Amino acid sequence: MHIKIVCCYFVGNMNNDKNAAGEDAQEKKFRKMTTEPVEKLVRHFAVPTIISMLITALYNIVDTFFVSRINSSATGAIGVIFSLMAIIQATGFFFGHGSGNYISRKLGERDVENASKMAAIGFYSAFITGIVITVAGLLMLRPLAYLLGSTDTILPYAEQYMRFILLGAPFFTASFVLNNQLRLQGNAYFAMIGISVGAIINCILDPILIFTMKMGVSGAGLATLISQVISLVILMAGVKRSDAIDIKFSQFVPSKEKFTAIWQGGLPSLGRQSLNSISTIMLNQSIKSFGDPAIAALTITLRIFMLLFASTLGFGQGFQPVCGFNFGAGLYGRVKKAYGYSVRVGAIILIFFSIICEIWAPSIIGIFTDEARVLYLGKIALRLGSITFGLQSLIVVTNMLLQNINEYKGATLLAFGRQGLFLIPFVFLWKEMFGIIGIFLALPFSDLCAFILSYILVKRTFAKMKRLNAK
């Protein structure tokens, strides 16, 4: 009896010590996020995020590069399946941003209990949804390939690649959730390690499986699946090693209140990524009448854009934890200051990339192909699309601001606006007027419209913060 009492005493003390350590870590993080200069904080969180974004974008480029060595139809298959990957990514970002933004605000309010519950609900909900996507996709593989924009010549490659992407859906979605939860809690370093290691492994496996093992496009799909499983394992280890909220199945207690918060915080991401997928399908459907080289040219161009946007997205994501903590703590002046800094730096970087694309477009496209038609169309698409690069900074950071502070209606409108309200009508209208050049022109004009909408929304948001600050 005495031994039992002593054991209980020590176990109780250990649990109390662990809880106390966790509370001390959260208190220390709160002071850091709400007192240190916002510029320093944004840079601190942006650097690992930019690195992970660049490596992930580079993986997409490398994937396209190796597959393009097969033929233009195989390259087109990567572009077609990209819209499916965007849907899976949208699911991950929906649960990841929805739960992560909530966690960030709750930690700013010092409500660790609700933050812990949300971490579990976001993670397990995403994994279960990923399983549903896998089963549904495998049951209608061929119709789905045609729906995504596949031609008869692209279809065999698309089916091979898509099988592995669908099998990896649960791991994709869960990885995106952990990545965003870590990042939005101010643990961007561990998020970077998880995402980057997976992308690097993918780049290593691509040539081995595609050429050495002679698996072709299937090898690229298998490399992606393996890398995502490894990435998820590393991210889970990062949660354990960092001071982030732990993921416990016992905390997975779904409730209407939590799912409403996920819906509000994740809907802009779901809308943005889903419409990105839909617009890519529309682009593929519109452009496939011009042949496989046209689809290949568009695929290469969009992958280059992803790589170049990585720096601005990284800065915007570095801004998010600073925004969430300080908004939750009622420090609206710090939110505005961090926003302005992120927009300025992002704009400078993107204008620099825009100049590079305008001058060296043929050389950049030439890295991926030597087919004359693909090279010709690719350089036109790259030059037209890069005209409005500088505007992207305001669009991206504004969307992240609105989403982070739970202004979900404005964030959703902006997300739907660029990829849906603006891009899709421009594609159909200008294809009829200017042919394939009209399809390429739709990209910069949708950016211009989204820029105007972003400016209106952010002016209104900061006016609202000013009123709150006065109270």
Protein backbone atom coordinates (compact mmCIF):
# COMPACT_ATOMS: atom_id res chain seq x y z
CA MET A 1 0.00 0.00 0.00
CA HIS A 2 2.81 2.36 0.93
CA ILE A 3 4.66 1.52 -2.32
CA LYS A 4 1.49 2.29 -4.33
CA ILE A 5 1.13 5.68 -2.61
CA VAL A 6 4.78 6.55 -3.26
CA CYS A 7 4.52 5.54 -6.94
CA CYS A 8 1.38 7.63 -7.38
CA TYR A 9 3.13 10.54 -5.73
CA PHE A 10 6.08 10.41 -8.12
CA VAL A 11 3.92 9.89 -11.22
CA GLY A 12 1.75 12.80 -10.16
CA ASN A 13 4.79 14.98 -9.65
CA MET A 14 6.20 13.97 -13.07
CA ASN A 15 2.94 14.87 -14.79
CA ASN A 16 2.77 18.15 -12.90
CA ASP A 17 6.38 18.93 -13.88
CA LYS A 18 5.61 18.13 -17.51
CA ASN A 19 2.49 20.31 -17.47
CA ALA A 20 4.39 23.09 -15.74
CA ALA A 21 7.18 22.90 -18.33
CA GLY A 22 4.59 23.08 -21.11
CA GLU A 23 2.91 26.08 -19.52
CA ASP A 24 6.29 27.81 -19.07
CA ALA A 25 7.16 27.17 -22.74
CA GLN A 26 3.81 28.59 -23.91
CA GLU A 27 4.22 31.64 -21.65
CA LYS A 28 7.73 32.24 -22.97
CA LYS A 29 6.48 31.92 -26.55
CA PHE A 30 3.65 34.36 -25.86
CA ARG A 31 6.08 37.01 -24.54
CA LYS A 32 8.35 36.53 -27.54
CA MET A 33 5.52 36.83 -30.09
CA THR A 34 4.00 39.92 -28.51
CA THR A 35 7.08 41.94 -27.53
CA GLU A 36 9.94 41.34 -30.00
CA PRO A 37 10.12 43.60 -33.13
CA VAL A 38 7.68 42.28 -35.71
CA GLU A 39 10.17 42.60 -38.59
CA LYS A 40 12.59 40.35 -36.74
CA LEU A 41 9.85 37.82 -35.97
CA VAL A 42 8.58 37.72 -39.56
CA ARG A 43 12.11 37.15 -40.87
CA HIS A 44 12.73 34.50 -38.22
CA PHE A 45 9.66 32.50 -39.24
CA ALA A 46 9.92 33.30 -42.97
CA VAL A 47 13.44 31.92 -43.54
CA PRO A 48 12.67 28.24 -42.75
CA THR A 49 9.29 28.55 -44.48
CA ILE A 50 10.88 30.01 -47.63
CA ILE A 51 13.46 27.21 -47.64
CA SER A 52 10.76 24.53 -47.34
CA MET A 53 8.63 26.25 -50.01
CA LEU A 54 11.59 26.53 -52.38
CA ILE A 55 12.57 22.90 -51.88
CA THR A 56 8.97 21.77 -52.40
CA ALA A 57 8.64 23.90 -55.54
CA LEU A 58 12.02 22.62 -56.71
CA TYR A 59 10.77 19.06 -56.24
CA ASN A 60 7.84 19.88 -58.54
CA ILE A 61 10.27 21.31 -61.08
CA VAL A 62 12.57 18.26 -60.82
CA ASP A 63 9.57 15.93 -61.19
CA THR A 64 8.58 17.75 -64.38
CA PHE A 65 12.20 17.82 -65.60
CA PHE A 66 12.74 14.05 -65.34
CA VAL A 67 9.32 13.15 -66.73
CA SER A 68 9.87 15.57 -69.66
CA ARG A 69 12.82 13.35 -70.67
CA ILE A 70 10.23 10.70 -71.65
CA ASN A 71 8.06 12.77 -74.05
CA SER A 72 5.60 15.69 -74.14
CA SER A 73 2.60 13.42 -73.46
CA ALA A 74 4.20 12.27 -70.20
CA THR A 75 4.89 15.90 -69.29
CA GLY A 76 1.26 16.70 -70.06
CA ALA A 77 0.18 13.91 -67.69
CA ILE A 78 2.03 15.61 -64.82
CA GLY A 79 0.16 18.83 -65.63
CA VAL A 80 -3.19 17.04 -65.80
CA ILE A 81 -2.72 15.25 -62.46
CA PHE A 82 -1.49 18.48 -60.89
CA SER A 83 -5.14 19.55 -60.53
CA LEU A 84 -5.86 16.35 -58.57
CA MET A 85 -2.88 17.04 -56.33
CA ALA A 86 -4.27 20.53 -55.83
CA ILE A 87 -7.57 19.04 -54.61
CA ILE A 88 -5.72 16.82 -52.12
CA GLN A 89 -3.61 19.78 -51.08
CA ALA A 90 -6.77 21.86 -50.69
CA THR A 91 -8.13 19.28 -48.24
CA GLY A 92 -4.91 19.39 -46.22
CA PHE A 93 -4.82 23.18 -46.18
CA PHE A 94 -8.51 23.33 -45.24
CA PHE A 95 -7.94 21.33 -42.06
CA GLY A 96 -4.42 22.68 -41.55
CA HIS A 97 -5.24 26.38 -41.84
CA GLY A 98 -8.63 25.95 -40.19
CA SER A 99 -7.13 24.28 -37.12
CA GLY A 100 -3.80 26.14 -37.19
CA ASN A 101 -5.31 29.64 -37.28
CA TYR A 102 -7.61 28.70 -34.40
CA ILE A 103 -4.67 27.31 -32.40
CA SER A 104 -2.62 30.46 -33.06
CA ARG A 105 -5.38 32.76 -31.81
CA LYS A 106 -6.11 30.57 -28.77
CA LEU A 107 -2.45 30.56 -27.76
CA GLY A 108 -2.53 34.36 -28.09
CA GLU A 109 -5.52 34.25 -25.70
CA ARG A 110 -3.61 31.73 -23.48
CA ASP A 111 -6.30 29.06 -23.95
CA VAL A 112 -4.08 25.95 -24.28
CA GLU A 113 -6.87 23.43 -23.58
CA ASN A 114 -8.97 24.34 -26.62
CA ALA A 115 -5.84 24.63 -28.75
CA SER A 116 -4.95 21.02 -27.85
CA LYS A 117 -8.39 19.73 -28.78
CA MET A 118 -8.28 21.52 -32.12
CA ALA A 119 -4.84 20.06 -32.96
CA ALA A 120 -6.20 16.50 -32.69
CA ILE A 121 -9.46 17.24 -34.50
CA GLY A 122 -7.68 18.90 -37.44
CA PHE A 123 -5.13 16.09 -37.86
CA TYR A 124 -7.40 13.04 -37.62
CA SER A 125 -10.19 14.63 -39.69
CA ALA A 126 -7.73 15.29 -42.52
CA PHE A 127 -6.36 11.73 -42.47
CA ILE A 128 -9.86 10.20 -42.60
CA THR A 129 -10.86 12.51 -45.46
CA GLY A 130 -7.69 11.47 -47.33
CA ILE A 131 -8.76 7.83 -47.10
CA VAL A 132 -12.14 8.74 -48.62
CA ILE A 133 -10.39 10.51 -51.53
CA THR A 134 -8.19 7.44 -52.12
CA VAL A 135 -11.11 5.00 -52.31
CA ALA A 136 -13.32 7.26 -54.46
CA GLY A 137 -10.48 8.13 -56.87
CA LEU A 138 -9.33 4.53 -57.44
CA LEU A 139 -12.91 3.43 -58.14
CA MET A 140 -13.26 5.90 -61.04
CA LEU A 141 -9.68 6.26 -62.26
CA ARG A 142 -10.20 6.58 -66.02
CA PRO A 143 -13.24 8.91 -65.97
CA LEU A 144 -11.37 11.10 -63.48
CA ALA A 145 -8.34 11.28 -65.80
CA TYR A 146 -10.52 12.50 -68.67
CA LEU A 147 -12.31 14.96 -66.39
CA LEU A 148 -8.97 16.46 -65.35
CA GLY A 149 -8.15 17.22 -69.00
CA SER A 150 -6.36 14.11 -70.26
CA THR A 151 -6.21 13.40 -74.00
CA ASP A 152 -6.15 9.85 -75.43
CA THR A 153 -2.37 10.01 -75.84
CA ILE A 154 -1.84 11.40 -72.30
CA LEU A 155 -4.29 8.93 -70.66
CA PRO A 156 -1.92 5.92 -70.15
CA TYR A 157 0.67 8.12 -68.44
CA ALA A 158 -1.98 9.92 -66.38
CA GLU A 159 -3.44 6.66 -65.04
CA GLN A 160 -0.01 5.33 -64.02
CA TYR A 161 0.90 8.51 -62.14
CA MET A 162 -2.53 9.01 -60.59
CA ARG A 163 -2.68 5.61 -58.86
CA PHE A 164 0.24 6.46 -56.61
CA ILE A 165 -0.97 10.01 -55.96
CA LEU A 166 -4.33 8.67 -54.80
CA LEU A 167 -2.70 6.06 -52.55
CA GLY A 168 -0.75 8.87 -50.91
CA ALA A 169 -3.79 11.10 -50.29
CA PRO A 170 -4.12 10.36 -46.52
CA PHE A 171 -0.42 11.07 -46.00
CA PHE A 172 -0.58 14.23 -48.14
CA THR A 173 -3.49 15.69 -46.19
CA ALA A 174 -2.12 14.79 -42.76
CA SER A 175 1.32 16.22 -43.65
CA PHE A 176 -0.19 19.55 -44.69
CA VAL A 177 -2.10 19.73 -41.42
CA LEU A 178 0.99 19.13 -39.26
CA ASN A 179 3.06 21.51 -41.38
CA ASN A 180 0.55 24.33 -40.93
CA GLN A 181 -0.10 23.64 -37.25
CA LEU A 182 3.64 23.70 -36.51
CA ARG A 183 4.19 26.86 -38.56
CA LEU A 184 1.25 28.76 -37.10
CA GLN A 185 2.46 27.98 -33.57
CA GLY A 186 5.84 29.51 -34.36
CA ASN A 187 7.67 26.21 -34.96
CA ALA A 188 8.56 26.85 -38.59
CA TYR A 189 11.96 25.13 -38.26
CA PHE A 190 10.41 21.71 -37.55
CA ALA A 191 7.84 22.26 -40.32
CA MET A 192 10.71 23.03 -42.71
CA ILE A 193 12.59 19.84 -41.81
CA GLY A 194 9.54 17.62 -42.37
CA ILE A 195 8.54 19.08 -45.73
CA SER A 196 12.09 19.57 -47.05
CA VAL A 197 13.39 16.09 -46.26
CA GLY A 198 10.41 14.54 -48.05
CA ALA A 199 10.97 16.73 -51.13
CA ILE A 200 14.70 15.96 -51.23
CA ILE A 201 14.03 12.21 -51.00
CA ASN A 202 11.57 12.59 -53.88
CA CYS A 203 14.22 14.29 -56.02
CA ILE A 204 16.69 11.47 -55.27
CA LEU A 205 14.19 8.69 -56.00
CA ASP A 206 12.86 10.22 -59.25
CA PRO A 207 15.79 9.34 -61.59
CA ILE A 208 16.34 5.99 -59.84
CA LEU A 209 12.75 4.80 -60.23
CA ILE A 210 12.01 6.46 -63.59
CA PHE A 211 15.17 5.47 -65.48
CA THR A 212 17.29 2.98 -63.50
CA MET A 213 14.32 0.84 -62.48
CA LYS A 214 12.63 1.62 -65.84
CA MET A 215 9.29 2.43 -64.21
CA GLY A 216 8.64 5.55 -66.29
CA VAL A 217 5.84 7.81 -65.05
CA SER A 218 4.88 5.20 -62.44
CA GLY A 219 8.32 5.72 -60.90
CA ALA A 220 7.62 9.43 -60.46
CA GLY A 221 4.33 8.59 -58.73
CA LEU A 222 5.94 6.00 -56.43
CA ALA A 223 8.71 8.46 -55.51
CA THR A 224 6.06 11.00 -54.51
CA LEU A 225 4.17 8.43 -52.39
CA ILE A 226 7.31 7.28 -50.53
CA SER A 227 8.46 10.84 -49.87
CA GLN A 228 5.07 11.84 -48.43
CA VAL A 229 5.03 8.93 -45.98
CA ILE A 230 8.54 9.84 -44.80
CA SER A 231 7.58 13.52 -44.56
CA LEU A 232 4.59 12.70 -42.32
CA VAL A 233 6.74 10.59 -39.99
CA ILE A 234 9.30 13.40 -39.63
CA LEU A 235 6.59 16.00 -39.01
CA MET A 236 5.07 13.84 -36.27
CA ALA A 237 8.53 13.57 -34.69
CA GLY A 238 8.81 17.38 -34.95
CA VAL A 239 5.59 17.79 -32.97
CA LYS A 240 7.04 15.58 -30.22
CA ARG A 241 10.43 17.31 -30.16
CA SER A 242 9.19 20.92 -30.28
CA ASP A 243 7.12 22.95 -27.83
CA ALA A 244 4.12 22.65 -30.18
CA ILE A 245 0.74 21.32 -29.04
CA ASP A 246 0.91 17.51 -29.03
CA ILE A 247 -1.47 15.41 -31.14
CA LYS A 248 -3.39 13.03 -28.88
CA PHE A 249 -6.16 10.71 -30.08
CA SER A 250 -7.85 11.12 -26.68
CA GLN A 251 -8.35 14.80 -27.61
CA PHE A 252 -10.11 13.86 -30.87
CA VAL A 253 -13.59 14.82 -29.72
CA PRO A 254 -15.31 16.45 -32.73
CA SER A 255 -17.81 19.18 -31.92
CA LYS A 256 -19.92 21.63 -33.87
CA GLU A 257 -17.98 24.56 -32.39
CA LYS A 258 -14.59 23.17 -33.50
CA PHE A 259 -15.74 22.20 -36.99
CA THR A 260 -17.33 25.63 -37.43
CA ALA A 261 -13.97 27.18 -36.54
CA ILE A 262 -12.19 24.87 -39.01
CA TRP A 263 -14.75 25.76 -41.67
CA GLN A 264 -14.31 29.49 -41.13
CA GLY A 265 -10.52 29.38 -40.92
CA GLY A 266 -10.03 26.79 -43.67
CA LEU A 267 -12.69 27.79 -46.21
CA PRO A 268 -10.48 30.44 -47.90
CA SER A 269 -7.72 27.83 -48.36
CA LEU A 270 -10.21 25.24 -49.58
CA GLY A 271 -11.68 27.76 -52.00
CA ARG A 272 -8.29 28.98 -53.18
CA GLN A 273 -6.83 25.51 -53.71
CA SER A 274 -10.03 23.96 -55.09
CA LEU A 275 -10.52 26.79 -57.55
CA ASN A 276 -6.85 26.54 -58.43
CA SER A 277 -7.55 22.91 -59.31
CA ILE A 278 -10.74 23.78 -61.19
CA SER A 279 -9.04 26.59 -63.10
CA THR A 280 -6.15 24.24 -63.99
CA ILE A 281 -8.70 21.71 -65.30
CA MET A 282 -10.38 24.50 -67.28
CA LEU A 283 -7.01 25.62 -68.64
CA ASN A 284 -6.15 22.05 -69.66
CA GLN A 285 -9.57 21.51 -71.22
CA SER A 286 -9.31 24.83 -73.10
CA ILE A 287 -5.75 24.34 -74.27
CA LYS A 288 -5.83 20.63 -75.20
CA SER A 289 -7.42 21.47 -78.57
CA PHE A 290 -4.03 23.03 -79.43
CA GLY A 291 -2.26 19.67 -78.83
CA ASP A 292 -0.02 17.98 -76.26
CA PRO A 293 2.83 20.52 -76.75
CA ALA A 294 0.47 23.30 -75.57
CA ILE A 295 -0.41 21.37 -72.40
CA ALA A 296 3.30 20.65 -71.82
CA ALA A 297 4.17 24.34 -72.24
CA LEU A 298 1.48 25.38 -69.74
CA THR A 299 2.61 22.68 -67.28
CA ILE A 300 6.23 23.87 -67.38
CA THR A 301 5.21 27.53 -67.02
CA LEU A 302 2.96 26.92 -64.01
CA ARG A 303 5.71 24.90 -62.28
CA ILE A 304 8.16 27.77 -62.80
CA PHE A 305 5.61 30.20 -61.30
CA MET A 306 5.30 27.93 -58.24
CA LEU A 307 9.06 28.06 -57.72
CA LEU A 308 9.25 31.84 -58.08
CA PHE A 309 6.23 32.46 -55.81
CA ALA A 310 7.75 30.33 -53.05
CA SER A 311 9.65 33.27 -51.54
CA THR A 312 6.58 35.49 -51.28
CA LEU A 313 4.44 32.66 -49.94
CA GLY A 314 7.17 31.98 -47.40
CA PHE A 315 7.19 35.59 -46.25
CA GLY A 316 3.41 35.58 -46.03
CA GLN A 317 3.46 32.39 -43.99
CA GLY A 318 6.18 33.85 -41.78
CA PHE A 319 3.76 36.71 -41.13
CA GLN A 320 0.88 34.44 -40.09
CA PRO A 321 2.01 33.29 -36.61
CA VAL A 322 2.99 36.89 -35.77
CA CYS A 323 -0.43 38.02 -36.95
CA GLY A 324 -2.36 35.30 -35.09
CA PHE A 325 -0.67 35.76 -31.71
CA ASN A 326 -0.82 39.57 -31.75
CA PHE A 327 -4.39 39.72 -33.02
CA GLY A 328 -5.43 37.26 -30.30
CA ALA A 329 -3.66 39.47 -27.75
CA GLY A 330 -5.37 42.61 -29.11
CA LEU A 331 -2.12 44.20 -30.37
CA TYR A 332 -3.52 45.47 -33.67
CA GLY A 333 -0.74 48.00 -34.34
CA ARG A 334 1.79 45.16 -34.43
CA VAL A 335 -0.42 43.24 -36.87
CA LYS A 336 -0.54 46.20 -39.27
CA LYS A 337 3.20 46.81 -39.02
CA ALA A 338 4.02 43.15 -39.73
CA TYR A 339 1.60 43.15 -42.68
CA GLY A 340 3.18 46.20 -44.31
CA TYR A 341 6.69 44.79 -43.91
CA SER A 342 5.71 41.44 -45.48
CA VAL A 343 3.99 43.07 -48.47
CA ARG A 344 6.96 45.36 -49.22
CA VAL A 345 9.60 42.64 -49.09
CA GLY A 346 7.47 40.24 -51.15
CA ALA A 347 6.85 42.87 -53.84
CA ILE A 348 10.57 43.65 -54.21
CA ILE A 349 11.43 39.95 -54.62
CA LEU A 350 8.69 39.32 -57.19
CA ILE A 351 9.51 42.39 -59.29
CA PHE A 352 13.08 41.12 -59.48
CA PHE A 353 11.86 37.70 -60.69
CA SER A 354 9.54 39.39 -63.19
CA ILE A 355 12.48 41.17 -64.83
CA ILE A 356 14.42 37.89 -65.06
CA CYS A 357 11.48 36.10 -66.72
CA GLU A 358 10.93 38.86 -69.25
CA ILE A 359 14.60 38.88 -70.30
CA TRP A 360 15.52 35.17 -70.17
CA ALA A 361 12.19 33.41 -70.85
CA PRO A 362 13.52 31.26 -73.77
CA SER A 363 16.52 30.08 -71.74
CA ILE A 364 14.36 29.24 -68.71
CA ILE A 365 11.86 27.19 -70.75
CA GLY A 366 14.76 25.60 -72.65
CA ILE A 367 15.93 23.93 -69.44
CA PHE A 368 12.91 21.62 -69.62
CA THR A 369 12.43 20.98 -73.32
CA ASP A 370 14.04 21.16 -76.74
CA GLU A 371 10.78 20.67 -78.66
CA ALA A 372 10.31 23.77 -80.79
CA ARG A 373 6.54 24.10 -80.30
CA VAL A 374 6.72 23.67 -76.52
CA LEU A 375 9.59 26.16 -76.32
CA TYR A 376 7.75 28.75 -78.43
CA LEU A 377 4.48 28.57 -76.47
CA GLY A 378 6.25 28.32 -73.11
CA LYS A 379 8.24 31.53 -73.51
CA ILE A 380 5.06 33.44 -74.46
CA ALA A 381 3.17 32.08 -71.44
CA LEU A 382 6.07 32.85 -69.08
CA ARG A 383 6.47 36.44 -70.29
CA LEU A 384 2.76 37.23 -70.18
CA GLY A 385 2.23 35.62 -66.77
CA SER A 386 5.20 37.38 -65.15
CA ILE A 387 4.00 40.90 -66.02
CA THR A 388 1.91 41.10 -62.84
CA PHE A 389 4.30 39.29 -60.47
CA GLY A 390 4.74 42.41 -58.33
CA LEU A 391 1.00 42.56 -57.58
CA GLN A 392 1.00 39.05 -56.13
CA SER A 393 2.59 40.15 -52.84
CA LEU A 394 -0.39 42.27 -51.76
CA ILE A 395 -2.84 39.56 -52.89
CA VAL A 396 -1.10 36.72 -51.02
CA VAL A 397 -0.39 38.54 -47.74
CA THR A 398 -3.87 40.11 -47.64
CA ASN A 399 -5.47 36.70 -48.04
CA MET A 400 -3.34 35.33 -45.20
CA LEU A 401 -4.16 38.31 -42.98
CA LEU A 402 -7.91 37.96 -43.47
CA GLN A 403 -7.81 34.21 -42.95
CA ASN A 404 -5.62 34.48 -39.85
CA ILE A 405 -7.85 36.99 -38.03
CA ASN A 406 -11.04 35.04 -38.88
CA GLU A 407 -12.32 37.53 -41.48
CA TYR A 408 -13.28 34.42 -43.41
CA LYS A 409 -15.87 36.07 -45.67
CA GLY A 410 -13.36 38.53 -47.10
CA ALA A 411 -10.64 35.86 -47.31
CA THR A 412 -13.00 33.48 -49.12
CA LEU A 413 -14.16 36.19 -51.52
CA LEU A 414 -10.55 37.00 -52.40
CA ALA A 415 -9.62 33.33 -52.79
CA PHE A 416 -12.63 32.68 -55.02
CA GLY A 417 -12.09 35.92 -56.91
CA ARG A 418 -8.64 35.31 -58.37
CA GLN A 419 -9.06 31.69 -59.43
CA GLY A 420 -12.80 31.66 -60.07
CA LEU A 421 -14.58 34.96 -60.59
CA PHE A 422 -11.75 36.43 -62.67
CA LEU A 423 -9.59 33.70 -64.23
CA ILE A 424 -12.20 31.27 -65.55
CA PRO A 425 -14.34 33.88 -67.40
CA PHE A 426 -11.18 35.44 -68.88
CA VAL A 427 -10.04 32.02 -70.16
CA PHE A 428 -13.28 31.31 -72.01
CA LEU A 429 -13.81 34.87 -73.27
CA TRP A 430 -10.31 35.51 -74.56
CA LYS A 431 -9.79 32.06 -76.03
CA GLU A 432 -12.60 32.90 -78.46
CA MET A 433 -11.05 36.30 -79.22
CA PHE A 434 -7.29 35.56 -79.30
CA GLY A 435 -6.89 31.78 -79.36
CA ILE A 436 -4.12 30.27 -77.25
CA ILE A 437 -2.60 33.71 -76.52
CA GLY A 438 -5.91 34.70 -74.92
CA ILE A 439 -5.61 31.76 -72.51
CA PHE A 440 -2.16 32.96 -71.44
CA LEU A 441 -3.43 36.56 -71.12
CA ALA A 442 -6.10 35.45 -68.65
CA LEU A 443 -3.42 34.90 -65.96
CA PRO A 444 -2.11 38.49 -65.61
CA PHE A 445 -5.55 40.08 -65.95
CA SER A 446 -7.01 37.92 -63.19
CA ASP A 447 -4.05 39.03 -61.02
CA LEU A 448 -4.86 42.69 -61.71
CA CYS A 449 -8.50 42.26 -60.70
CA ALA A 450 -7.49 40.34 -57.55
CA PHE A 451 -5.05 43.13 -56.64
CA ILE A 452 -7.81 45.75 -56.76
CA LEU A 453 -10.10 43.56 -54.64
CA SER A 454 -7.27 42.93 -52.11
CA TYR A 455 -6.63 46.65 -51.71
CA ILE A 456 -10.32 47.34 -50.98
CA LEU A 457 -10.57 44.50 -48.45
CA VAL A 458 -7.39 45.38 -46.54
CA LYS A 459 -8.34 49.06 -46.26
CA ARG A 460 -11.66 48.05 -44.73
CA THR A 461 -10.00 45.55 -42.38
CA PHE A 462 -7.47 48.02 -40.97
CA ALA A 463 -10.21 50.61 -40.50
CA LYS A 464 -12.06 48.02 -38.40
CA MET A 465 -8.89 47.32 -36.37
CA LYS A 466 -8.47 51.04 -35.78
CA ARG A 467 -11.98 51.20 -34.29
CA LEU A 468 -11.24 48.17 -32.08
CA ASN A 469 -7.99 49.74 -30.95
CA ALA A 470 -9.78 52.97 -30.03
CA LYS A 471 -12.17 51.02 -27.79
